[in-house]
Amino acid sequence: MCVAVPGKILEIDGHFALVDFNGAKRKVIISLVKNPEIGQYVIVHAGYAIEVMDEEQAREALNIFEEIIEKDMLD
């Protein structure tokens, strides 16, 4: 199973960006995304930003991940 996670671009340096995943910050390759900008949300798989998404979509996805984690912790 493959999982892609949304995160917010904090900084851009060439083909790399510092992306915030709900407090966890990671360096991500952004060369696959057209015109990425600071403040945008991107969906990241295996260290690569693969798509820009709007903030509402990102928050929905993050809420779903949170629900899954909470449910898993209760089981």
C-alpha atoms as a PDB file:
ATOM      1  CA  MET A   1       0.000   0.000   0.000  1.00  0.00           C
ATOM      2  CA  CYS A   2       1.263   3.492  -0.844  1.00  0.00           C
ATOM      3  CA  VAL A   3       0.562   6.499   1.324  1.00  0.00           C
ATOM      4  CA  ALA A   4       0.905  10.130   0.325  1.00  0.00           C
ATOM      5  CA  VAL A   5       0.741  12.797   3.015  1.00  0.00           C
ATOM      6  CA  PRO A   6      -0.173  16.488   2.727  1.00  0.00           C
ATOM      7  CA  GLY A   7       2.174  19.125   4.089  1.00  0.00           C
ATOM      8  CA  LYS A   8       2.671  22.890   3.915  1.00  0.00           C
ATOM      9  CA  ILE A   9       5.668  24.417   2.139  1.00  0.00           C
ATOM     10  CA  LEU A  10       7.642  26.609   4.547  1.00  0.00           C
ATOM     11  CA  GLU A  11      10.799  27.343   2.518  1.00  0.00           C
ATOM     12  CA  ILE A  12      12.012  26.720  -1.026  1.00  0.00           C
ATOM     13  CA  ASP A  13      15.640  26.199  -2.031  1.00  0.00           C
ATOM     14  CA  GLY A  14      16.049  25.213  -5.670  1.00  0.00           C
ATOM     15  CA  HIS A  15      14.494  21.794  -6.229  1.00  0.00           C
ATOM     16  CA  PHE A  16      13.910  21.272  -2.506  1.00  0.00           C
ATOM     17  CA  ALA A  17      11.403  22.592   0.001  1.00  0.00           C
ATOM     18  CA  LEU A  18      11.076  22.421   3.740  1.00  0.00           C
ATOM     19  CA  VAL A  19       7.597  21.013   4.320  1.00  0.00           C
ATOM     20  CA  ASP A  20       5.639  20.943   7.578  1.00  0.00           C
ATOM     21  CA  PHE A  21       3.647  17.763   8.229  1.00  0.00           C
ATOM     22  CA  ASN A  22       1.637  18.770  11.312  1.00  0.00           C
ATOM     23  CA  GLY A  23       4.774  19.819  13.190  1.00  0.00           C
ATOM     24  CA  ALA A  24       7.246  17.352  11.651  1.00  0.00           C
ATOM     25  CA  LYS A  25       9.423  19.225   9.159  1.00  0.00           C
ATOM     26  CA  ARG A  26      11.141  17.407   6.310  1.00  0.00           C
ATOM     27  CA  LYS A  27      13.111  18.322   3.189  1.00  0.00           C
ATOM     28  CA  VAL A  28      11.135  17.299   0.087  1.00  0.00           C
ATOM     29  CA  ILE A  29      11.978  17.294  -3.623  1.00  0.00           C
ATOM     30  CA  ILE A  30       9.596  19.651  -5.429  1.00  0.00           C
ATOM     31  CA  SER A  31      10.842  19.325  -9.016  1.00  0.00           C
ATOM     32  CA  LEU A  32       7.729  17.340 -10.055  1.00  0.00           C
ATOM     33  CA  VAL A  33       5.359  20.171  -9.090  1.00  0.00           C
ATOM     34  CA  LYS A  34       4.800  23.127 -11.410  1.00  0.00           C
ATOM     35  CA  ASN A  35       5.527  26.502  -9.763  1.00  0.00           C
ATOM     36  CA  PRO A  36       5.380  25.534  -6.074  1.00  0.00           C
ATOM     37  CA  GLU A  37       5.076  28.457  -3.666  1.00  0.00           C
ATOM     38  CA  ILE A  38       5.656  29.016   0.031  1.00  0.00           C
ATOM     39  CA  GLY A  39       2.396  28.545   1.916  1.00  0.00           C
ATOM     40  CA  GLN A  40       0.952  26.029  -0.545  1.00  0.00           C
ATOM     41  CA  TYR A  41       0.038  22.519   0.497  1.00  0.00           C
ATOM     42  CA  VAL A  42       1.528  19.627  -1.437  1.00  0.00           C
ATOM     43  CA  ILE A  43       0.893  15.932  -1.309  1.00  0.00           C
ATOM     44  CA  VAL A  44       4.154  14.048  -0.733  1.00  0.00           C
ATOM     45  CA  HIS A  45       5.011  10.440  -1.530  1.00  0.00           C
ATOM     46  CA  ALA A  46       8.430   8.888  -0.932  1.00  0.00           C
ATOM     47  CA  GLY A  47      10.065  12.292  -0.440  1.00  0.00           C
ATOM     48  CA  TYR A  48       8.637  13.853  -3.612  1.00  0.00           C
ATOM     49  CA  ALA A  49       5.907  16.483  -3.798  1.00  0.00           C
ATOM     50  CA  ILE A  50       3.607  15.076  -6.468  1.00  0.00           C
ATOM     51  CA  GLU A  51       0.710  17.541  -6.480  1.00  0.00           C
ATOM     52  CA  VAL A  52      -0.377  20.905  -5.106  1.00  0.00           C
ATOM     53  CA  MET A  53      -3.624  20.790  -3.142  1.00  0.00           C
ATOM     54  CA  ASP A  54      -5.770  23.488  -1.627  1.00  0.00           C
ATOM     55  CA  GLU A  55      -5.787  24.061   2.118  1.00  0.00           C
ATOM     56  CA  GLU A  56      -9.294  22.631   2.604  1.00  0.00           C
ATOM     57  CA  GLN A  57      -8.331  19.342   0.907  1.00  0.00           C
ATOM     58  CA  ALA A  58      -5.147  19.172   2.979  1.00  0.00           C
ATOM     59  CA  ARG A  59      -6.997  19.734   6.254  1.00  0.00           C
ATOM     60  CA  GLU A  60      -9.586  17.069   5.335  1.00  0.00           C
ATOM     61  CA  ALA A  61      -6.829  14.560   4.609  1.00  0.00           C
ATOM     62  CA  LEU A  62      -4.962  15.431   7.820  1.00  0.00           C
ATOM     63  CA  ASN A  63      -8.178  14.988   9.837  1.00  0.00           C
ATOM     64  CA  ILE A  64      -8.679  11.546   8.281  1.00  0.00           C
ATOM     65  CA  PHE A  65      -5.108  10.544   9.182  1.00  0.00           C
ATOM     66  CA  GLU A  66      -5.712  11.771  12.724  1.00  0.00           C
ATOM     67  CA  GLU A  67      -8.928   9.711  12.995  1.00  0.00           C
ATOM     68  CA  ILE A  68      -7.123   6.597  11.750  1.00  0.00           C
ATOM     69  CA  ILE A  69      -4.320   7.042  14.264  1.00  0.00           C
ATOM     70  CA  GLU A  70      -6.752   7.620  17.134  1.00  0.00           C
ATOM     71  CA  LYS A  71      -8.804   4.561  16.170  1.00  0.00           C
ATOM     72  CA  ASP A  72      -5.673   2.441  15.895  1.00  0.00           C
ATOM     73  CA  MET A  73      -4.536   3.535  19.353  1.00  0.00           C
ATOM     74  CA  LEU A  74      -7.901   2.529  20.840  1.00  0.00           C
ATOM     75  CA  ASP A  75      -7.862  -0.959  19.283  1.00  0.00           C
END
